[in-house]
């Protein structure tokens, strides 16, 4: 069902209640609350690094930052022929970013932004909204650093909304709405810290921690 644009506070209440907004397209003025029967989640101890991603991280091919170019990441995620990200979602997410409830991870090839992920946080829940990649393995490197950040910050839930074959191949799973809501309720009532521009782990630290938990 479509609805008038909510406030940023109403958007957070929607996430906390287990629903999330999407638009029909870039030019659509309306949003819809989505409440799927099955929900995609990343077990934070079950991320699987491919050999190619391990090599890319070890060689430090890309630069990695957090919360440095939220706008650029949102633009990258929306820059496709079909997108559910309209102007209303962009504006609301920027409000949440300014309030500390939305975050981004950026992947750089020199000075060029070549990949990234953005999402929304409530308590110890991270709602992954979208990601993009303009280089091989850029989005996989982003996920590896993001999951490490969520683990170290005390997050308990990484919601991917839907399960795609790509996400399933790197450790995401699908659970029922009832199970999801139980996990969501526990997560939003705990505290976690995303951390913004704090010191990044080294590639060796990332790979060691991923090996210990995968």
C-alpha atoms as a PDB file:
ATOM      1  CA  UNK A   1       0.000   0.000   0.000  1.00  0.00           C
ATOM      2  CA  UNK A   2       1.372   3.427  -0.921  1.00  0.00           C
ATOM      3  CA  UNK A   3       1.499   6.152   1.709  1.00  0.00           C
ATOM      4  CA  UNK A   4       2.427   9.844   1.982  1.00  0.00           C
ATOM      5  CA  UNK A   5       6.090  10.570   2.701  1.00  0.00           C
ATOM      6  CA  UNK A   6       6.821   9.820   6.380  1.00  0.00           C
ATOM      7  CA  UNK A   7       9.111  11.744   8.685  1.00  0.00           C
ATOM      8  CA  UNK A   8      12.533  10.332   9.495  1.00  0.00           C
ATOM      9  CA  UNK A   9      11.222   9.388  12.948  1.00  0.00           C
ATOM     10  CA  UNK A  10       8.287   7.501  11.424  1.00  0.00           C
ATOM     11  CA  UNK A  11      10.709   5.713   9.117  1.00  0.00           C
ATOM     12  CA  UNK A  12      12.725   4.480  12.099  1.00  0.00           C
ATOM     13  CA  UNK A  13       9.543   3.261  13.770  1.00  0.00           C
ATOM     14  CA  UNK A  14       8.727   1.330  10.609  1.00  0.00           C
ATOM     15  CA  UNK A  15      12.123  -0.399  10.622  1.00  0.00           C
ATOM     16  CA  UNK A  16      11.757  -1.170  14.319  1.00  0.00           C
ATOM     17  CA  UNK A  17       8.356  -2.706  13.571  1.00  0.00           C
ATOM     18  CA  UNK A  18       9.724  -5.010  10.869  1.00  0.00           C
ATOM     19  CA  UNK A  19       8.709  -3.133   7.708  1.00  0.00           C
ATOM     20  CA  UNK A  20      10.705  -1.030   5.264  1.00  0.00           C
ATOM     21  CA  UNK A  21       9.907   1.488   2.489  1.00  0.00           C
ATOM     22  CA  UNK A  22      10.389   1.169  -1.256  1.00  0.00           C
ATOM     23  CA  UNK A  23       9.281   3.249  -4.243  1.00  0.00           C
ATOM     24  CA  UNK A  24       8.024   1.885  -7.559  1.00  0.00           C
ATOM     25  CA  UNK A  25      10.797   3.733  -9.355  1.00  0.00           C
ATOM     26  CA  UNK A  26      13.101   6.739  -9.372  1.00  0.00           C
ATOM     27  CA  UNK A  27      10.351   9.087 -10.544  1.00  0.00           C
ATOM     28  CA  UNK A  28       7.542   7.667  -8.432  1.00  0.00           C
ATOM     29  CA  UNK A  29       6.204  10.114  -5.798  1.00  0.00           C
ATOM     30  CA  UNK A  30       4.873   7.368  -3.516  1.00  0.00           C
ATOM     31  CA  UNK A  31       6.405   4.890  -1.105  1.00  0.00           C
ATOM     32  CA  UNK A  32       5.181   1.456  -0.090  1.00  0.00           C
ATOM     33  CA  UNK A  33       5.681  -0.339   3.200  1.00  0.00           C
ATOM     34  CA  UNK A  34       7.128  -3.785   2.484  1.00  0.00           C
ATOM     35  CA  UNK A  35       6.522  -6.688   4.883  1.00  0.00           C
ATOM     36  CA  UNK A  36       7.768  -9.918   3.242  1.00  0.00           C
ATOM     37  CA  UNK A  37       6.814 -13.379   4.496  1.00  0.00           C
ATOM     38  CA  UNK A  38      10.482 -14.424   4.375  1.00  0.00           C
ATOM     39  CA  UNK A  39      13.407 -12.212   5.339  1.00  0.00           C
ATOM     40  CA  UNK A  40      17.046 -12.255   4.301  1.00  0.00           C
ATOM     41  CA  UNK A  41      19.639 -11.879   7.066  1.00  0.00           C
ATOM     42  CA  UNK A  42      23.408 -12.224   7.377  1.00  0.00           C
ATOM     43  CA  UNK A  43      24.484 -14.356  10.329  1.00  0.00           C
ATOM     44  CA  UNK A  44      27.295 -12.157  11.597  1.00  0.00           C
ATOM     45  CA  UNK A  45      29.445 -15.220  12.252  1.00  0.00           C
ATOM     46  CA  UNK A  46      28.676 -16.848   8.907  1.00  0.00           C
ATOM     47  CA  UNK A  47      30.143 -14.604   6.218  1.00  0.00           C
ATOM     48  CA  UNK A  48      32.046 -16.581   3.572  1.00  0.00           C
ATOM     49  CA  UNK A  49      34.989 -14.933   1.861  1.00  0.00           C
ATOM     50  CA  UNK A  50      35.769 -16.225  -1.607  1.00  0.00           C
ATOM     51  CA  UNK A  51      39.375 -16.801  -2.617  1.00  0.00           C
ATOM     52  CA  UNK A  52      39.263 -13.856  -4.996  1.00  0.00           C
ATOM     53  CA  UNK A  53      37.953 -11.556  -2.252  1.00  0.00           C
ATOM     54  CA  UNK A  54      40.647 -12.764   0.155  1.00  0.00           C
ATOM     55  CA  UNK A  55      43.292 -11.970  -2.461  1.00  0.00           C
ATOM     56  CA  UNK A  56      41.801  -8.535  -3.097  1.00  0.00           C
ATOM     57  CA  UNK A  57      41.760  -7.700   0.622  1.00  0.00           C
ATOM     58  CA  UNK A  58      45.281  -9.054   1.190  1.00  0.00           C
ATOM     59  CA  UNK A  59      46.676  -6.955  -1.644  1.00  0.00           C
ATOM     60  CA  UNK A  60      44.918  -3.837  -0.304  1.00  0.00           C
ATOM     61  CA  UNK A  61      43.743  -3.086  -3.821  1.00  0.00           C
ATOM     62  CA  UNK A  62      41.031  -0.708  -2.629  1.00  0.00           C
ATOM     63  CA  UNK A  63      40.820   2.096  -0.125  1.00  0.00           C
ATOM     64  CA  UNK A  64      38.072   1.699   2.487  1.00  0.00           C
ATOM     65  CA  UNK A  65      36.263   4.396   4.464  1.00  0.00           C
ATOM     66  CA  UNK A  66      33.121   4.658   6.583  1.00  0.00           C
ATOM     67  CA  UNK A  67      30.644   7.552   6.552  1.00  0.00           C
ATOM     68  CA  UNK A  68      32.883   9.705   4.373  1.00  0.00           C
ATOM     69  CA  UNK A  69      30.676   9.943   1.242  1.00  0.00           C
ATOM     70  CA  UNK A  70      27.151   8.879   2.135  1.00  0.00           C
ATOM     71  CA  UNK A  71      25.724  10.901  -0.757  1.00  0.00           C
ATOM     72  CA  UNK A  72      28.061   9.260  -3.255  1.00  0.00           C
ATOM     73  CA  UNK A  73      27.103   5.790  -2.069  1.00  0.00           C
ATOM     74  CA  UNK A  74      23.394   6.530  -2.340  1.00  0.00           C
ATOM     75  CA  UNK A  75      23.915   7.939  -5.828  1.00  0.00           C
ATOM     76  CA  UNK A  76      25.888   4.840  -6.823  1.00  0.00           C
ATOM     77  CA  UNK A  77      23.157   2.541  -5.502  1.00  0.00           C
ATOM     78  CA  UNK A  78      20.449   4.459  -7.386  1.00  0.00           C
ATOM     79  CA  UNK A  79      22.406   4.699 -10.664  1.00  0.00           C
ATOM     80  CA  UNK A  80      20.776   1.785 -12.443  1.00  0.00           C
ATOM     81  CA  UNK A  81      18.024   1.460 -15.007  1.00  0.00           C
ATOM     82  CA  UNK A  82      15.487   0.259 -12.452  1.00  0.00           C
ATOM     83  CA  UNK A  83      15.650   1.426  -8.851  1.00  0.00           C
ATOM     84  CA  UNK A  84      13.352   1.631  -5.834  1.00  0.00           C
ATOM     85  CA  UNK A  85      15.309   4.634  -4.512  1.00  0.00           C
ATOM     86  CA  UNK A  86      13.376   7.831  -5.231  1.00  0.00           C
ATOM     87  CA  UNK A  87      14.000  11.421  -4.111  1.00  0.00           C
ATOM     88  CA  UNK A  88      11.947  10.939  -0.951  1.00  0.00           C
ATOM     89  CA  UNK A  89      14.047   7.983   0.189  1.00  0.00           C
ATOM     90  CA  UNK A  90      17.238   9.903  -0.590  1.00  0.00           C
ATOM     91  CA  UNK A  91      16.086  12.878   1.486  1.00  0.00           C
ATOM     92  CA  UNK A  92      14.913  10.729   4.408  1.00  0.00           C
ATOM     93  CA  UNK A  93      18.114   8.705   4.486  1.00  0.00           C
ATOM     94  CA  UNK A  94      20.180  11.885   4.537  1.00  0.00           C
ATOM     95  CA  UNK A  95      18.163  13.020   7.556  1.00  0.00           C
ATOM     96  CA  UNK A  96      18.878   9.694   9.239  1.00  0.00           C
ATOM     97  CA  UNK A  97      22.572   9.997   8.361  1.00  0.00           C
ATOM     98  CA  UNK A  98      22.740  13.468   9.927  1.00  0.00           C
ATOM     99  CA  UNK A  99      21.109  12.049  13.052  1.00  0.00           C
ATOM    100  CA  UNK A 100      23.514   9.093  13.250  1.00  0.00           C
ATOM    101  CA  UNK A 101      20.952   6.464  12.216  1.00  0.00           C
ATOM    102  CA  UNK A 102      22.276   5.772   8.698  1.00  0.00           C
ATOM    103  CA  UNK A 103      25.783   4.827   7.622  1.00  0.00           C
ATOM    104  CA  UNK A 104      27.829   4.056   4.558  1.00  0.00           C
ATOM    105  CA  UNK A 105      30.968   2.177   3.665  1.00  0.00           C
ATOM    106  CA  UNK A 106      32.910   3.441   0.671  1.00  0.00           C
ATOM    107  CA  UNK A 107      35.310   1.519  -1.560  1.00  0.00           C
ATOM    108  CA  UNK A 108      37.843   3.620  -3.463  1.00  0.00           C
ATOM    109  CA  UNK A 109      40.143   3.015  -6.406  1.00  0.00           C
ATOM    110  CA  UNK A 110      42.438   5.978  -5.919  1.00  0.00           C
ATOM    111  CA  UNK A 111      40.155   9.006  -5.803  1.00  0.00           C
ATOM    112  CA  UNK A 112      37.261   7.224  -7.561  1.00  0.00           C
ATOM    113  CA  UNK A 113      34.337   5.795  -5.592  1.00  0.00           C
ATOM    114  CA  UNK A 114      33.883   2.304  -7.063  1.00  0.00           C
ATOM    115  CA  UNK A 115      31.623   0.541  -4.579  1.00  0.00           C
ATOM    116  CA  UNK A 116      29.752   0.814  -1.342  1.00  0.00           C
ATOM    117  CA  UNK A 117      26.900  -0.148   0.940  1.00  0.00           C
ATOM    118  CA  UNK A 118      24.519   1.974   2.981  1.00  0.00           C
ATOM    119  CA  UNK A 119      22.044   1.091   5.665  1.00  0.00           C
ATOM    120  CA  UNK A 120      19.997   2.210   8.654  1.00  0.00           C
ATOM    121  CA  UNK A 121      20.594   1.379  12.322  1.00  0.00           C
ATOM    122  CA  UNK A 122      18.190   1.006  15.225  1.00  0.00           C
ATOM    123  CA  UNK A 123      19.718  -0.254  18.460  1.00  0.00           C
ATOM    124  CA  UNK A 124      21.867  -3.274  17.586  1.00  0.00           C
ATOM    125  CA  UNK A 125      20.118  -3.892  14.245  1.00  0.00           C
ATOM    126  CA  UNK A 126      21.622  -2.887  10.899  1.00  0.00           C
ATOM    127  CA  UNK A 127      19.219  -2.733   7.954  1.00  0.00           C
ATOM    128  CA  UNK A 128      21.253  -3.066   4.767  1.00  0.00           C
ATOM    129  CA  UNK A 129      19.490  -0.970   2.148  1.00  0.00           C
ATOM    130  CA  UNK A 130      21.530  -1.254  -1.039  1.00  0.00           C
ATOM    131  CA  UNK A 131      25.021  -1.703  -2.453  1.00  0.00           C
ATOM    132  CA  UNK A 132      26.799  -1.060  -5.718  1.00  0.00           C
ATOM    133  CA  UNK A 133      30.039  -2.064  -7.396  1.00  0.00           C
ATOM    134  CA  UNK A 134      31.970  -0.674 -10.340  1.00  0.00           C
ATOM    135  CA  UNK A 135      34.973  -2.989  -9.936  1.00  0.00           C
ATOM    136  CA  UNK A 136      35.221  -6.734  -9.495  1.00  0.00           C
ATOM    137  CA  UNK A 137      34.977  -7.678  -5.804  1.00  0.00           C
ATOM    138  CA  UNK A 138      34.388  -4.082  -4.656  1.00  0.00           C
ATOM    139  CA  UNK A 139      31.003  -4.856  -3.071  1.00  0.00           C
ATOM    140  CA  UNK A 140      32.373  -8.064  -1.507  1.00  0.00           C
ATOM    141  CA  UNK A 141      35.220  -6.130   0.097  1.00  0.00           C
ATOM    142  CA  UNK A 142      32.659  -3.609   1.369  1.00  0.00           C
ATOM    143  CA  UNK A 143      30.603  -6.380   2.965  1.00  0.00           C
ATOM    144  CA  UNK A 144      33.656  -7.935   4.615  1.00  0.00           C
ATOM    145  CA  UNK A 145      34.661  -4.649   6.243  1.00  0.00           C
ATOM    146  CA  UNK A 146      31.055  -3.844   7.116  1.00  0.00           C
ATOM    147  CA  UNK A 147      30.441  -7.183   8.821  1.00  0.00           C
ATOM    148  CA  UNK A 148      33.680  -6.795  10.770  1.00  0.00           C
ATOM    149  CA  UNK A 149      32.535  -3.326  11.856  1.00  0.00           C
ATOM    150  CA  UNK A 150      29.124  -4.648  12.933  1.00  0.00           C
ATOM    151  CA  UNK A 151      30.655  -7.483  14.934  1.00  0.00           C
ATOM    152  CA  UNK A 152      33.126  -5.249  16.726  1.00  0.00           C
ATOM    153  CA  UNK A 153      30.412  -2.678  17.451  1.00  0.00           C
ATOM    154  CA  UNK A 154      28.095  -5.152  19.154  1.00  0.00           C
ATOM    155  CA  UNK A 155      25.420  -5.477  16.468  1.00  0.00           C
ATOM    156  CA  UNK A 156      23.130  -8.504  16.682  1.00  0.00           C
ATOM    157  CA  UNK A 157      21.180  -8.369  13.410  1.00  0.00           C
ATOM    158  CA  UNK A 158      22.166  -7.639   9.812  1.00  0.00           C
ATOM    159  CA  UNK A 159      18.958  -7.473   7.785  1.00  0.00           C
ATOM    160  CA  UNK A 160      19.338  -7.812   3.994  1.00  0.00           C
ATOM    161  CA  UNK A 161      15.555  -7.526   3.391  1.00  0.00           C
ATOM    162  CA  UNK A 162      15.436 -10.135   0.616  1.00  0.00           C
ATOM    163  CA  UNK A 163      17.684 -13.105  -0.128  1.00  0.00           C
ATOM    164  CA  UNK A 164      19.301 -13.003  -3.576  1.00  0.00           C
ATOM    165  CA  UNK A 165      21.477 -15.757  -5.091  1.00  0.00           C
ATOM    166  CA  UNK A 166      24.504 -13.480  -4.707  1.00  0.00           C
ATOM    167  CA  UNK A 167      23.851 -12.856  -1.013  1.00  0.00           C
ATOM    168  CA  UNK A 168      23.151 -16.546  -0.425  1.00  0.00           C
ATOM    169  CA  UNK A 169      26.495 -17.443  -2.010  1.00  0.00           C
ATOM    170  CA  UNK A 170      28.359 -15.414   0.619  1.00  0.00           C
ATOM    171  CA  UNK A 171      26.477 -16.542   3.704  1.00  0.00           C
ATOM    172  CA  UNK A 172      23.085 -14.805   3.864  1.00  0.00           C
ATOM    173  CA  UNK A 173      20.100 -16.955   4.811  1.00  0.00           C
ATOM    174  CA  UNK A 174      16.331 -16.656   4.714  1.00  0.00           C
ATOM    175  CA  UNK A 175      14.158 -16.897   7.829  1.00  0.00           C
ATOM    176  CA  UNK A 176      10.438 -16.664   8.528  1.00  0.00           C
ATOM    177  CA  UNK A 177       8.767 -13.388   9.427  1.00  0.00           C
ATOM    178  CA  UNK A 178       8.015 -14.677  12.943  1.00  0.00           C
ATOM    179  CA  UNK A 179      11.634 -15.659  13.573  1.00  0.00           C
ATOM    180  CA  UNK A 180      12.821 -12.387  12.102  1.00  0.00           C
ATOM    181  CA  UNK A 181      10.551 -10.337  14.358  1.00  0.00           C
ATOM    182  CA  UNK A 182      11.814 -12.159  17.443  1.00  0.00           C
ATOM    183  CA  UNK A 183      15.419 -11.434  16.471  1.00  0.00           C
ATOM    184  CA  UNK A 184      14.538  -7.856  15.555  1.00  0.00           C
ATOM    185  CA  UNK A 185      12.871  -7.189  18.904  1.00  0.00           C
ATOM    186  CA  UNK A 186      15.919  -8.436  20.790  1.00  0.00           C
ATOM    187  CA  UNK A 187      18.324  -6.433  18.617  1.00  0.00           C
ATOM    188  CA  UNK A 188      16.590  -3.060  18.720  1.00  0.00           C
ATOM    189  CA  UNK A 189      16.531  -3.185  22.516  1.00  0.00           C
ATOM    190  CA  UNK A 190      20.297  -3.565  22.765  1.00  0.00           C
ATOM    191  CA  UNK A 191      23.017  -0.985  22.277  1.00  0.00           C
ATOM    192  CA  UNK A 192      25.617  -1.027  19.513  1.00  0.00           C
ATOM    193  CA  UNK A 193      28.153   1.411  18.108  1.00  0.00           C
ATOM    194  CA  UNK A 194      28.816   1.828  14.400  1.00  0.00           C
ATOM    195  CA  UNK A 195      31.774   4.081  14.970  1.00  0.00           C
ATOM    196  CA  UNK A 196      32.011   6.223  11.828  1.00  0.00           C
ATOM    197  CA  UNK A 197      35.545   7.238  10.899  1.00  0.00           C
ATOM    198  CA  UNK A 198      37.435   5.276  13.532  1.00  0.00           C
ATOM    199  CA  UNK A 199      40.693   3.428  12.818  1.00  0.00           C
ATOM    200  CA  UNK A 200      40.263   0.704  10.208  1.00  0.00           C
ATOM    201  CA  UNK A 201      41.554  -2.826  10.778  1.00  0.00           C
ATOM    202  CA  UNK A 202      44.439  -3.917   8.589  1.00  0.00           C
ATOM    203  CA  UNK A 203      43.812  -6.421   5.781  1.00  0.00           C
ATOM    204  CA  UNK A 204      45.553  -9.118   7.863  1.00  0.00           C
ATOM    205  CA  UNK A 205      43.280  -8.377  10.830  1.00  0.00           C
ATOM    206  CA  UNK A 206      40.170  -8.611   8.655  1.00  0.00           C
ATOM    207  CA  UNK A 207      41.260 -11.930   7.149  1.00  0.00           C
ATOM    208  CA  UNK A 208      42.232 -13.398  10.502  1.00  0.00           C
ATOM    209  CA  UNK A 209      38.937 -12.496  12.109  1.00  0.00           C
ATOM    210  CA  UNK A 210      36.946 -13.764   9.124  1.00  0.00           C
ATOM    211  CA  UNK A 211      38.836 -17.078   9.235  1.00  0.00           C
ATOM    212  CA  UNK A 212      38.097 -17.473  12.942  1.00  0.00           C
ATOM    213  CA  UNK A 213      34.348 -17.023  12.523  1.00  0.00           C
ATOM    214  CA  UNK A 214      33.510 -18.415   9.061  1.00  0.00           C
END
